[in-house]
Amino acid sequence: MLDLEAIELIKQLKARYFRAIDTCNIEMLEGMLIEDIVLSFKSPAYAFNVNGLDNALDFYRTSFTKTRLATHNGHTPEIEVNGNQAKALWYLSYVFINLEDNTHLHGSAIYQDRYIKRGERWMIAETGYETLLETVQPLSEHLQITSRPIN
């Protein structure tokens, strides 16, 4: 039988994760990731593998800044719960604007996550994606950014 409560809690956790990285809310991330978190992000343009909470927080802190802006939309999750552990596939659509190198990325990927339940709370043990489609273009000189998620 499906553990619908666990599935819903994991969906809420992943939603908070996306909001935390898009706003670079490091304090929020600390409460979602286990101490020995494993990150793996792959695309034709980059590959990042990060192990451990401190390294993960440093990675997020330097990847999303006032000049590196992103929006992540995770949807259509496929979540399997097995007691105090779970795994999930998420479809990701994202936009990443880098004002330092004047680029605009748009893409999609498949996230693969592993979760563990500590007490009454689900936490992320592993997360990462492999890109399906990504476009990179120079920012238009006419582009106006009227708001930014990180102040």
Protein backbone atom coordinates (compact mmCIF):
# COMPACT_ATOMS: atom_id res chain seq x y z
CA MET A 1 0.00 0.00 0.00
CA LEU A 2 1.21 3.54 -0.74
CA ASP A 3 2.37 5.66 2.18
CA LEU A 4 0.55 8.80 1.05
CA GLU A 5 1.53 10.82 4.11
CA ALA A 6 5.24 10.14 3.50
CA ILE A 7 4.86 10.93 -0.20
CA GLU A 8 3.22 14.28 0.60
CA LEU A 9 5.88 15.16 3.19
CA ILE A 10 8.61 14.36 0.65
CA LYS A 11 6.89 16.55 -1.96
CA GLN A 12 6.81 19.43 0.54
CA LEU A 13 10.48 18.85 1.42
CA LYS A 14 11.51 19.02 -2.24
CA ALA A 15 9.44 22.18 -2.76
CA ARG A 16 11.25 23.82 0.19
CA TYR A 17 14.58 22.63 -1.24
CA PHE A 18 13.90 24.35 -4.58
CA ARG A 19 12.80 27.54 -2.82
CA ALA A 20 15.86 27.47 -0.56
CA ILE A 21 18.35 27.16 -3.42
CA ASP A 22 16.59 29.77 -5.56
CA THR A 23 16.68 32.27 -2.68
CA CYS A 24 20.04 30.99 -1.35
CA ASN A 25 18.52 30.45 2.08
CA ILE A 26 21.41 28.45 3.54
CA GLU A 27 19.82 28.20 6.99
CA MET A 28 16.77 26.50 5.48
CA LEU A 29 18.94 24.04 3.56
CA GLU A 30 20.80 23.02 6.72
CA GLY A 31 17.62 21.54 8.17
CA MET A 32 16.86 19.52 5.02
CA LEU A 33 20.16 17.81 4.21
CA ILE A 34 21.79 15.02 6.21
CA GLU A 35 25.38 15.42 7.44
CA ASP A 36 26.82 13.12 4.76
CA ILE A 37 24.69 14.44 1.88
CA VAL A 38 25.78 13.48 -1.66
CA LEU A 39 25.17 15.89 -4.57
CA SER A 40 25.68 15.12 -8.26
CA PHE A 41 24.73 17.49 -11.10
CA LYS A 42 25.58 16.66 -14.72
CA SER A 43 25.07 18.47 -18.01
CA PRO A 44 27.11 18.79 -21.19
CA ALA A 45 28.37 22.15 -19.84
CA TYR A 46 29.26 21.14 -16.26
CA ALA A 47 29.54 18.33 -13.72
CA PHE A 48 29.57 18.79 -9.96
CA ASN A 49 29.95 16.10 -7.33
CA VAL A 50 29.87 17.23 -3.72
CA ASN A 51 30.00 15.19 -0.51
CA GLY A 52 29.19 16.31 3.01
CA LEU A 53 26.97 19.02 4.46
CA ASP A 54 29.60 21.76 4.78
CA ASN A 55 30.77 21.26 1.19
CA ALA A 56 27.17 21.18 -0.05
CA LEU A 57 26.31 24.42 1.74
CA ASP A 58 29.44 26.07 0.29
CA PHE A 59 28.44 24.82 -3.17
CA TYR A 60 24.96 26.34 -2.89
CA ARG A 61 26.28 29.55 -1.32
CA THR A 62 28.63 30.17 -4.27
CA SER A 63 26.33 28.86 -7.02
CA PHE A 64 23.34 31.09 -6.26
CA THR A 65 24.15 34.72 -5.55
CA LYS A 66 23.03 38.23 -6.45
CA THR A 67 24.68 37.73 -9.84
CA ARG A 68 23.76 34.05 -10.37
CA LEU A 69 19.98 33.78 -10.37
CA ALA A 70 17.87 30.67 -10.80
CA THR A 71 14.39 29.24 -10.77
CA HIS A 72 13.84 25.52 -10.36
CA ASN A 73 10.48 23.87 -10.95
CA GLY A 74 10.25 20.23 -9.94
CA HIS A 75 7.18 18.29 -10.95
CA THR A 76 5.68 14.89 -11.77
CA PRO A 77 7.45 13.07 -8.93
CA GLU A 78 7.73 9.30 -8.86
CA ILE A 79 8.22 8.51 -5.17
CA GLU A 80 8.75 5.06 -3.67
CA VAL A 81 8.64 4.77 0.12
CA ASN A 82 10.10 1.78 1.96
CA GLY A 83 9.77 2.29 5.71
CA ASN A 84 12.14 5.07 6.80
CA GLN A 85 13.74 5.38 3.37
CA ALA A 86 12.47 6.64 0.05
CA LYS A 87 13.70 7.38 -3.44
CA ALA A 88 12.25 9.63 -6.08
CA LEU A 89 12.57 10.82 -9.65
CA TRP A 90 11.56 14.42 -10.35
CA TYR A 91 11.25 16.19 -13.66
CA LEU A 92 13.03 19.55 -13.46
CA SER A 93 12.61 22.70 -15.55
CA TYR A 94 15.05 25.49 -14.79
CA VAL A 95 16.31 28.91 -15.76
CA PHE A 96 19.76 30.13 -14.70
CA ILE A 97 20.91 33.68 -15.40
CA ASN A 98 24.58 34.41 -14.83
CA LEU A 99 25.26 38.15 -14.83
CA GLU A 100 29.00 37.50 -14.39
CA ASP A 101 29.41 35.82 -17.77
CA ASN A 102 26.26 37.31 -19.36
CA THR A 103 24.52 34.00 -20.08
CA HIS A 104 21.00 32.66 -19.85
CA LEU A 105 20.52 28.90 -19.47
CA HIS A 106 17.20 27.16 -19.84
CA GLY A 107 16.81 23.45 -19.47
CA SER A 108 15.23 20.33 -18.18
CA ALA A 109 16.63 17.41 -16.25
CA ILE A 110 15.71 14.36 -14.23
CA TYR A 111 16.49 14.58 -10.51
CA GLN A 112 17.23 11.35 -8.64
CA ASP A 113 16.89 11.64 -4.88
CA ARG A 114 17.21 9.43 -1.84
CA TYR A 115 15.54 10.38 1.45
CA ILE A 116 15.71 9.10 5.00
CA LYS A 117 13.35 9.69 7.87
CA ARG A 118 14.92 10.93 11.10
CA GLY A 119 12.40 10.93 13.91
CA GLU A 120 9.27 12.42 12.39
CA ARG A 121 11.12 14.37 9.68
CA TRP A 122 12.15 13.40 6.16
CA MET A 123 15.59 14.59 5.02
CA ILE A 124 17.52 14.51 1.76
CA ALA A 125 20.39 11.99 1.75
CA GLU A 126 21.29 12.21 -1.95
CA THR A 127 20.17 14.56 -4.68
CA GLY A 128 21.27 15.35 -8.18
CA TYR A 129 20.25 15.47 -11.78
CA GLU A 130 21.28 14.65 -15.30
CA THR A 131 20.32 17.20 -17.93
CA LEU A 132 17.96 16.20 -20.71
CA LEU A 133 17.94 19.46 -22.66
CA GLU A 134 19.79 22.69 -22.06
CA THR A 135 20.09 25.85 -24.11
CA VAL A 136 22.66 28.55 -23.42
CA GLN A 137 22.52 31.98 -24.96
CA PRO A 138 24.06 35.38 -24.29
CA LEU A 139 21.88 37.77 -22.35
CA SER A 140 20.20 40.30 -24.54
CA GLU A 141 21.27 43.89 -23.97
CA HIS A 142 17.54 44.69 -23.89
CA LEU A 143 16.81 42.27 -21.04
CA GLN A 144 15.61 44.03 -17.92
CA ILE A 145 15.64 42.19 -14.62
CA THR A 146 12.98 43.90 -12.54
CA SER A 147 13.32 41.73 -9.43
CA ARG A 148 15.77 39.26 -8.01
CA PRO A 149 15.16 36.38 -5.59
CA ILE A 150 18.33 37.13 -3.59
CA ASN A 151 18.67 40.55 -2.00
